[in-house]
Amino acid sequence: MSVQDVTTVAAMNQLAKASGYKISQINTGQPNFGLHKMSLSASAQPFWLVVRELCLHGNVTLYPYGGPYGASQVTLAPLNFG
């Protein structure tokens, strides 16, 4: 997976498509969430390593309380959430 100068949401959607995992963002009510521009290149890397890089470069973190799909989904939240 390689993305250049895309929003965090676009990178997240591309990772979901490439991996087959459900990846969503928590509804925070923050209008700019997921609009941070980022670039990421991860070829033949484990899924969780790519998620870590996406979080680092996309200014987001894993949401530890699940989401609408429970354990079968990765949910992301802003770094300053909660």
PDB file of N, CA and C in Angstrom:
ATOM      1  N   MET A   1       0.844  -1.175   0.000  1.00  0.00           N
ATOM      2  CA  MET A   1       0.000   0.000   0.000  1.00  0.00           C
ATOM      3  C   MET A   1       0.881   1.227   0.000  1.00  0.00           C
ATOM      4  N   SER A   2       0.565   2.162  -0.842  1.00  0.00           N
ATOM      5  CA  SER A   2       1.296   3.414  -0.897  1.00  0.00           C
ATOM      6  C   SER A   2       0.311   4.531  -1.229  1.00  0.00           C
ATOM      7  N   VAL A   3       0.309   5.570  -0.397  1.00  0.00           N
ATOM      8  CA  VAL A   3      -0.548   6.731  -0.644  1.00  0.00           C
ATOM      9  C   VAL A   3       0.305   7.993  -0.498  1.00  0.00           C
ATOM     10  N   GLN A   4       0.015   8.980  -1.299  1.00  0.00           N
ATOM     11  CA  GLN A   4       0.753  10.235  -1.273  1.00  0.00           C
ATOM     12  C   GLN A   4      -0.210  11.405  -1.148  1.00  0.00           C
ATOM     13  N   ASP A   5      -0.006  12.207  -0.113  1.00  0.00           N
ATOM     14  CA  ASP A   5      -0.758  13.448   0.078  1.00  0.00           C
ATOM     15  C   ASP A   5      -2.274  13.232   0.001  1.00  0.00           C
ATOM     16  N   VAL A   6      -2.757  12.269   0.795  1.00  0.00           N
ATOM     17  CA  VAL A   6      -4.194  11.994   0.876  1.00  0.00           C
ATOM     18  C   VAL A   6      -4.658  12.245   2.306  1.00  0.00           C
ATOM     19  N   THR A   7      -5.949  12.347   2.512  1.00  0.00           N
ATOM     20  CA  THR A   7      -6.466  12.521   3.866  1.00  0.00           C
ATOM     21  C   THR A   7      -6.325  11.215   4.640  1.00  0.00           C
ATOM     22  N   THR A   8      -6.364  11.326   5.947  1.00  0.00           N
ATOM     23  CA  THR A   8      -6.302  10.142   6.802  1.00  0.00           C
ATOM     24  C   THR A   8      -7.444   9.192   6.476  1.00  0.00           C
ATOM     25  N   VAL A   9      -8.629   9.734   6.230  1.00  0.00           N
ATOM     26  CA  VAL A   9      -9.791   8.902   5.899  1.00  0.00           C
ATOM     27  C   VAL A   9      -9.547   8.143   4.594  1.00  0.00           C
ATOM     28  N   ALA A  10      -8.968   8.797   3.596  1.00  0.00           N
ATOM     29  CA  ALA A  10      -8.682   8.127   2.326  1.00  0.00           C
ATOM     30  C   ALA A  10      -7.660   7.008   2.522  1.00  0.00           C
ATOM     31  N   ALA A  11      -6.629   7.259   3.319  1.00  0.00           N
ATOM     32  CA  ALA A  11      -5.625   6.227   3.603  1.00  0.00           C
ATOM     33  C   ALA A  11      -6.254   5.071   4.366  1.00  0.00           C
ATOM     34  N   MET A  12      -7.108   5.394   5.319  1.00  0.00           N
ATOM     35  CA  MET A  12      -7.804   4.381   6.110  1.00  0.00           C
ATOM     36  C   MET A  12      -8.681   3.506   5.189  1.00  0.00           C
ATOM     37  N   ASN A  13      -9.385   4.122   4.264  1.00  0.00           N
ATOM     38  CA  ASN A  13     -10.241   3.377   3.333  1.00  0.00           C
ATOM     39  C   ASN A  13      -9.410   2.493   2.405  1.00  0.00           C
ATOM     40  N   GLN A  14      -8.263   2.982   1.992  1.00  0.00           N
ATOM     41  CA  GLN A  14      -7.402   2.179   1.126  1.00  0.00           C
ATOM     42  C   GLN A  14      -6.837   0.978   1.883  1.00  0.00           C
ATOM     43  N   LEU A  15      -6.454   1.174   3.140  1.00  0.00           N
ATOM     44  CA  LEU A  15      -5.964   0.055   3.951  1.00  0.00           C
ATOM     45  C   LEU A  15      -7.072  -0.972   4.173  1.00  0.00           C
ATOM     46  N   ALA A  16      -8.280  -0.510   4.415  1.00  0.00           N
ATOM     47  CA  ALA A  16      -9.408  -1.427   4.599  1.00  0.00           C
ATOM     48  C   ALA A  16      -9.633  -2.259   3.333  1.00  0.00           C
ATOM     49  N   LYS A  17      -9.574  -1.609   2.196  1.00  0.00           N
ATOM     50  CA  LYS A  17      -9.776  -2.311   0.922  1.00  0.00           C
ATOM     51  C   LYS A  17      -8.654  -3.320   0.681  1.00  0.00           C
ATOM     52  N   ALA A  18      -7.413  -2.927   0.955  1.00  0.00           N
ATOM     53  CA  ALA A  18      -6.267  -3.803   0.706  1.00  0.00           C
ATOM     54  C   ALA A  18      -6.218  -4.986   1.664  1.00  0.00           C
ATOM     55  N   SER A  19      -6.661  -4.772   2.901  1.00  0.00           N
ATOM     56  CA  SER A  19      -6.524  -5.804   3.935  1.00  0.00           C
ATOM     57  C   SER A  19      -7.778  -6.670   4.105  1.00  0.00           C
ATOM     58  N   GLY A  20      -8.936  -6.127   3.751  1.00  0.00           N
ATOM     59  CA  GLY A  20     -10.180  -6.839   3.981  1.00  0.00           C
ATOM     60  C   GLY A  20     -10.764  -6.616   5.369  1.00  0.00           C
ATOM     61  N   TYR A  21     -10.068  -5.866   6.216  1.00  0.00           N
ATOM     62  CA  TYR A  21     -10.572  -5.545   7.551  1.00  0.00           C
ATOM     63  C   TYR A  21     -11.531  -4.366   7.480  1.00  0.00           C
ATOM     64  N   LYS A  22     -12.513  -4.345   8.371  1.00  0.00           N
ATOM     65  CA  LYS A  22     -13.383  -3.173   8.517  1.00  0.00           C
ATOM     66  C   LYS A  22     -12.625  -2.160   9.361  1.00  0.00           C
ATOM     67  N   ILE A  23     -12.457  -0.964   8.834  1.00  0.00           N
ATOM     68  CA  ILE A  23     -11.787   0.115   9.560  1.00  0.00           C
ATOM     69  C   ILE A  23     -12.709   1.321   9.489  1.00  0.00           C
ATOM     70  N   SER A  24     -13.019   1.884  10.646  1.00  0.00           N
ATOM     71  CA  SER A  24     -13.921   3.036  10.671  1.00  0.00           C
ATOM     72  C   SER A  24     -13.365   4.093  11.600  1.00  0.00           C
ATOM     73  N   GLN A  25     -14.004   5.226  11.575  1.00  0.00           N
ATOM     74  CA  GLN A  25     -13.652   6.310  12.490  1.00  0.00           C
ATOM     75  C   GLN A  25     -14.812   6.527  13.432  1.00  0.00           C
ATOM     76  N   ILE A  26     -14.482   6.854  14.657  1.00  0.00           N
ATOM     77  CA  ILE A  26     -15.524   7.125  15.634  1.00  0.00           C
ATOM     78  C   ILE A  26     -16.127   8.495  15.324  1.00  0.00           C
ATOM     79  N   ASN A  27     -17.425   8.627  15.492  1.00  0.00           N
ATOM     80  CA  ASN A  27     -18.094   9.900  15.259  1.00  0.00           C
ATOM     81  C   ASN A  27     -17.820  10.822  16.447  1.00  0.00           C
ATOM     82  N   THR A  28     -16.927  11.769  16.251  1.00  0.00           N
ATOM     83  CA  THR A  28     -16.510  12.657  17.336  1.00  0.00           C
ATOM     84  C   THR A  28     -17.205  14.001  17.299  1.00  0.00           C
ATOM     85  N   GLY A  29     -17.853  14.306  16.192  1.00  0.00           N
ATOM     86  CA  GLY A  29     -18.446  15.625  16.044  1.00  0.00           C
ATOM     87  C   GLY A  29     -17.422  16.689  15.669  1.00  0.00           C
ATOM     88  N   GLN A  30     -16.171  16.277  15.494  1.00  0.00           N
ATOM     89  CA  GLN A  30     -15.123  17.214  15.103  1.00  0.00           C
ATOM     90  C   GLN A  30     -15.102  17.311  13.577  1.00  0.00           C
ATOM     91  N   PRO A  31     -15.379  18.490  13.033  1.00  0.00           N
ATOM     92  CA  PRO A  31     -15.526  18.611  11.579  1.00  0.00           C
ATOM     93  C   PRO A  31     -14.246  18.335  10.800  1.00  0.00           C
ATOM     94  N   ASN A  32     -13.074  18.487  11.398  1.00  0.00           N
ATOM     95  CA  ASN A  32     -11.820  18.301  10.673  1.00  0.00           C
ATOM     96  C   ASN A  32     -11.205  16.921  10.870  1.00  0.00           C
ATOM     97  N   PHE A  33     -11.877  16.038  11.617  1.00  0.00           N
ATOM     98  CA  PHE A  33     -11.309  14.725  11.882  1.00  0.00           C
ATOM     99  C   PHE A  33     -11.148  13.933  10.594  1.00  0.00           C
ATOM    100  N   GLY A  34      -9.951  13.413  10.397  1.00  0.00           N
ATOM    101  CA  GLY A  34      -9.667  12.596   9.227  1.00  0.00           C
ATOM    102  C   GLY A  34      -9.263  13.373   7.999  1.00  0.00           C
ATOM    103  N   LEU A  35      -9.177  14.691   8.097  1.00  0.00           N
ATOM    104  CA  LEU A  35      -8.832  15.513   6.939  1.00  0.00           C
ATOM    105  C   LEU A  35      -7.349  15.868   6.895  1.00  0.00           C
ATOM    106  N   HIS A  36      -6.600  15.437   7.894  1.00  0.00           N
ATOM    107  CA  HIS A  36      -5.150  15.650   7.932  1.00  0.00           C
ATOM    108  C   HIS A  36      -4.533  14.984   6.705  1.00  0.00           C
ATOM    109  N   LYS A  37      -3.658  15.688   5.985  1.00  0.00           N
ATOM    110  CA  LYS A  37      -3.006  15.122   4.808  1.00  0.00           C
ATOM    111  C   LYS A  37      -1.792  14.304   5.237  1.00  0.00           C
ATOM    112  N   MET A  38      -1.603  13.162   4.588  1.00  0.00           N
ATOM    113  CA  MET A  38      -0.504  12.283   4.949  1.00  0.00           C
ATOM    114  C   MET A  38      -0.023  11.506   3.736  1.00  0.00           C
ATOM    115  N   SER A  39       1.176  10.957   3.857  1.00  0.00           N
ATOM    116  CA  SER A  39       1.728  10.036   2.871  1.00  0.00           C
ATOM    117  C   SER A  39       2.208   8.815   3.625  1.00  0.00           C
ATOM    118  N   LEU A  40       2.075   7.661   3.012  1.00  0.00           N
ATOM    119  CA  LEU A  40       2.450   6.414   3.676  1.00  0.00           C
ATOM    120  C   LEU A  40       2.831   5.399   2.617  1.00  0.00           C
ATOM    121  N   SER A  41       3.951   4.726   2.850  1.00  0.00           N
ATOM    122  CA  SER A  41       4.378   3.664   1.956  1.00  0.00           C
ATOM    123  C   SER A  41       4.675   2.433   2.795  1.00  0.00           C
ATOM    124  N   ALA A  42       3.943   1.368   2.554  1.00  0.00           N
ATOM    125  CA  ALA A  42       4.113   0.141   3.324  1.00  0.00           C
ATOM    126  C   ALA A  42       3.894  -1.046   2.395  1.00  0.00           C
ATOM    127  N   SER A  43       4.964  -1.567   1.892  1.00  0.00           N
ATOM    128  CA  SER A  43       4.893  -2.686   0.968  1.00  0.00           C
ATOM    129  C   SER A  43       5.218  -3.983   1.701  1.00  0.00           C
ATOM    130  N   ALA A  44       4.342  -4.960   1.597  1.00  0.00           N
ATOM    131  CA  ALA A  44       4.533  -6.284   2.211  1.00  0.00           C
ATOM    132  C   ALA A  44       4.807  -6.184   3.714  1.00  0.00           C
ATOM    133  N   GLN A  45       4.054  -5.343   4.393  1.00  0.00           N
ATOM    134  CA  GLN A  45       4.202  -5.155   5.835  1.00  0.00           C
ATOM    135  C   GLN A  45       3.008  -5.780   6.560  1.00  0.00           C
ATOM    136  N   PRO A  46       3.205  -6.231   7.796  1.00  0.00           N
ATOM    137  CA  PRO A  46       2.079  -6.756   8.573  1.00  0.00           C
ATOM    138  C   PRO A  46       1.009  -5.679   8.796  1.00  0.00           C
ATOM    139  N   PHE A  47      -0.240  -6.125   8.860  1.00  0.00           N
ATOM    140  CA  PHE A  47      -1.378  -5.210   9.010  1.00  0.00           C
ATOM    141  C   PHE A  47      -1.196  -4.238  10.174  1.00  0.00           C
ATOM    142  N   TRP A  48      -0.853  -4.746  11.355  1.00  0.00           N
ATOM    143  CA  TRP A  48      -0.775  -3.879  12.525  1.00  0.00           C
ATOM    144  C   TRP A  48       0.373  -2.879  12.456  1.00  0.00           C
ATOM    145  N   LEU A  49       1.424  -3.198  11.732  1.00  0.00           N
ATOM    146  CA  LEU A  49       2.503  -2.234  11.531  1.00  0.00           C
ATOM    147  C   LEU A  49       2.008  -1.082  10.660  1.00  0.00           C
ATOM    148  N   VAL A  50       1.218  -1.407   9.645  1.00  0.00           N
ATOM    149  CA  VAL A  50       0.664  -0.360   8.773  1.00  0.00           C
ATOM    150  C   VAL A  50      -0.341   0.492   9.552  1.00  0.00           C
ATOM    151  N   VAL A  51      -1.159  -0.136  10.406  1.00  0.00           N
ATOM    152  CA  VAL A  51      -2.104   0.622  11.240  1.00  0.00           C
ATOM    153  C   VAL A  51      -1.330   1.581  12.146  1.00  0.00           C
ATOM    154  N   ARG A  52      -0.240   1.107  12.735  1.00  0.00           N
ATOM    155  CA  ARG A  52       0.568   1.970  13.602  1.00  0.00           C
ATOM    156  C   ARG A  52       1.103   3.173  12.830  1.00  0.00           C
ATOM    157  N   GLU A  53       1.590   2.940  11.627  1.00  0.00           N
ATOM    158  CA  GLU A  53       2.112   4.039  10.808  1.00  0.00           C
ATOM    159  C   GLU A  53       0.990   4.998  10.400  1.00  0.00           C
ATOM    160  N   LEU A  54      -0.171   4.455  10.064  1.00  0.00           N
ATOM    161  CA  LEU A  54      -1.316   5.299   9.718  1.00  0.00           C
ATOM    162  C   LEU A  54      -1.691   6.182  10.903  1.00  0.00           C
ATOM    163  N   CYS A  55      -1.691   5.613  12.098  1.00  0.00           N
ATOM    164  CA  CYS A  55      -2.016   6.398  13.296  1.00  0.00           C
ATOM    165  C   CYS A  55      -0.974   7.483  13.527  1.00  0.00           C
ATOM    166  N   LEU A  56       0.290   7.121  13.377  1.00  0.00           N
ATOM    167  CA  LEU A  56       1.379   8.073  13.603  1.00  0.00           C
ATOM    168  C   LEU A  56       1.319   9.240  12.628  1.00  0.00           C
ATOM    169  N   HIS A  57       1.182   8.937  11.348  1.00  0.00           N
ATOM    170  CA  HIS A  57       1.201   9.982  10.317  1.00  0.00           C
ATOM    171  C   HIS A  57      -0.152  10.648  10.111  1.00  0.00           C
ATOM    172  N   GLY A  58      -1.222   9.979  10.531  1.00  0.00           N
ATOM    173  CA  GLY A  58      -2.567  10.508  10.307  1.00  0.00           C
ATOM    174  C   GLY A  58      -3.156  11.242  11.489  1.00  0.00           C
ATOM    175  N   ASN A  59      -2.382  11.351  12.589  1.00  0.00           N
ATOM    176  CA  ASN A  59      -2.835  12.098  13.766  1.00  0.00           C
ATOM    177  C   ASN A  59      -4.084  11.472  14.391  1.00  0.00           C
ATOM    178  N   VAL A  60      -4.129  10.119  14.398  1.00  0.00           N
ATOM    179  CA  VAL A  60      -5.242   9.384  14.995  1.00  0.00           C
ATOM    180  C   VAL A  60      -4.685   8.285  15.908  1.00  0.00           C
ATOM    181  N   THR A  61      -5.565   7.657  16.658  1.00  0.00           N
ATOM    182  CA  THR A  61      -5.193   6.555  17.530  1.00  0.00           C
ATOM    183  C   THR A  61      -6.264   5.475  17.469  1.00  0.00           C
ATOM    184  N   LEU A  62      -5.936   4.298  17.953  1.00  0.00           N
ATOM    185  CA  LEU A  62      -6.936   3.238  18.038  1.00  0.00           C
ATOM    186  C   LEU A  62      -7.948   3.579  19.124  1.00  0.00           C
ATOM    187  N   TYR A  63      -9.209   3.374  18.837  1.00  0.00           N
ATOM    188  CA  TYR A  63     -10.272   3.576  19.815  1.00  0.00           C
ATOM    189  C   TYR A  63     -10.455   2.258  20.555  1.00  0.00           C
ATOM    190  N   PRO A  64     -10.207   2.218  21.865  1.00  0.00           N
ATOM    191  CA  PRO A  64     -10.151   0.947  22.583  1.00  0.00           C
ATOM    192  C   PRO A  64     -11.497   0.330  22.963  1.00  0.00           C
ATOM    193  N   TYR A  65     -12.602   0.978  22.638  1.00  0.00           N
ATOM    194  CA  TYR A  65     -13.898   0.489  23.104  1.00  0.00           C
ATOM    195  C   TYR A  65     -14.751  -0.104  22.003  1.00  0.00           C
ATOM    196  N   GLY A  66     -14.130  -0.529  20.907  1.00  0.00           N
ATOM    197  CA  GLY A  66     -14.885  -1.176  19.834  1.00  0.00           C
ATOM    198  C   GLY A  66     -15.645  -0.198  18.967  1.00  0.00           C
ATOM    199  N   GLY A  67     -16.601  -0.713  18.282  1.00  0.00           N
ATOM    200  CA  GLY A  67     -17.417   0.095  17.392  1.00  0.00           C
ATOM    201  C   GLY A  67     -18.679  -0.670  17.083  1.00  0.00           C
ATOM    202  N   PRO A  68     -19.407  -0.278  16.057  1.00  0.00           N
ATOM    203  CA  PRO A  68     -20.671  -0.934  15.763  1.00  0.00           C
ATOM    204  C   PRO A  68     -20.520  -2.406  15.369  1.00  0.00           C
ATOM    205  N   TYR A  69     -19.334  -2.820  14.944  1.00  0.00           N
ATOM    206  CA  TYR A  69     -19.116  -4.213  14.552  1.00  0.00           C
ATOM    207  C   TYR A  69     -18.370  -4.999  15.625  1.00  0.00           C
ATOM    208  N   GLY A  70     -18.122  -4.387  16.760  1.00  0.00           N
ATOM    209  CA  GLY A  70     -17.444  -5.073  17.861  1.00  0.00           C
ATOM    210  C   GLY A  70     -16.014  -5.427  17.541  1.00  0.00           C
ATOM    211  N   ALA A  71     -15.617  -6.638  17.879  1.00  0.00           N
ATOM    212  CA  ALA A  71     -14.232  -7.060  17.745  1.00  0.00           C
ATOM    213  C   ALA A  71     -13.807  -7.281  16.296  1.00  0.00           C
ATOM    214  N   SER A  72     -14.744  -7.307  15.367  1.00  0.00           N
ATOM    215  CA  SER A  72     -14.383  -7.549  13.971  1.00  0.00           C
ATOM    216  C   SER A  72     -14.060  -6.266  13.216  1.00  0.00           C
ATOM    217  N   GLN A  73     -13.821  -5.196  13.937  1.00  0.00           N
ATOM    218  CA  GLN A  73     -13.577  -3.906  13.304  1.00  0.00           C
ATOM    219  C   GLN A  73     -12.482  -3.157  14.042  1.00  0.00           C
ATOM    220  N   VAL A  74     -11.687  -2.417  13.295  1.00  0.00           N
ATOM    221  CA  VAL A  74     -10.710  -1.493  13.866  1.00  0.00           C
ATOM    222  C   VAL A  74     -11.338  -0.112  13.817  1.00  0.00           C
ATOM    223  N   THR A  75     -11.375   0.571  14.945  1.00  0.00           N
ATOM    224  CA  THR A  75     -11.965   1.912  15.007  1.00  0.00           C
ATOM    225  C   THR A  75     -10.887   2.910  15.384  1.00  0.00           C
ATOM    226  N   LEU A  76     -10.825   4.021  14.649  1.00  0.00           N
ATOM    227  CA  LEU A  76      -9.851   5.061  14.906  1.00  0.00           C
ATOM    228  C   LEU A  76     -10.517   6.300  15.470  1.00  0.00           C
ATOM    229  N   ALA A  77      -9.783   7.023  16.303  1.00  0.00           N
ATOM    230  CA  ALA A  77     -10.274   8.253  16.926  1.00  0.00           C
ATOM    231  C   ALA A  77      -9.162   9.299  16.872  1.00  0.00           C
ATOM    232  N   PRO A  78      -9.505  10.585  17.004  1.00  0.00           N
ATOM    233  CA  PRO A  78      -8.475  11.613  17.033  1.00  0.00           C
ATOM    234  C   PRO A  78      -7.561  11.426  18.235  1.00  0.00           C
ATOM    235  N   LEU A  79      -6.326  11.884  18.123  1.00  0.00           N
ATOM    236  CA  LEU A  79      -5.390  11.770  19.246  1.00  0.00           C
ATOM    237  C   LEU A  79      -5.906  12.460  20.495  1.00  0.00           C
ATOM    238  N   ASN A  80      -6.619  13.546  20.340  1.00  0.00           N
ATOM    239  CA  ASN A  80      -7.088  14.316  21.488  1.00  0.00           C
ATOM    240  C   ASN A  80      -8.491  13.939  21.934  1.00  0.00           C
ATOM    241  N   PHE A  81      -8.989  12.780  21.517  1.00  0.00           N
ATOM    242  CA  PHE A  81     -10.350  12.377  21.829  1.00  0.00           C
ATOM    243  C   PHE A  81     -10.451  11.809  23.234  1.00  0.00           C
ATOM    244  N   GLY A  82     -11.433  12.249  23.981  1.00  0.00           N
ATOM    245  CA  GLY A  82     -11.749  11.685  25.273  1.00  0.00           C
ATOM    246  C   GLY A  82     -10.911  12.176  26.374  1.00  0.00           C
TER     247      GLY A  82
END
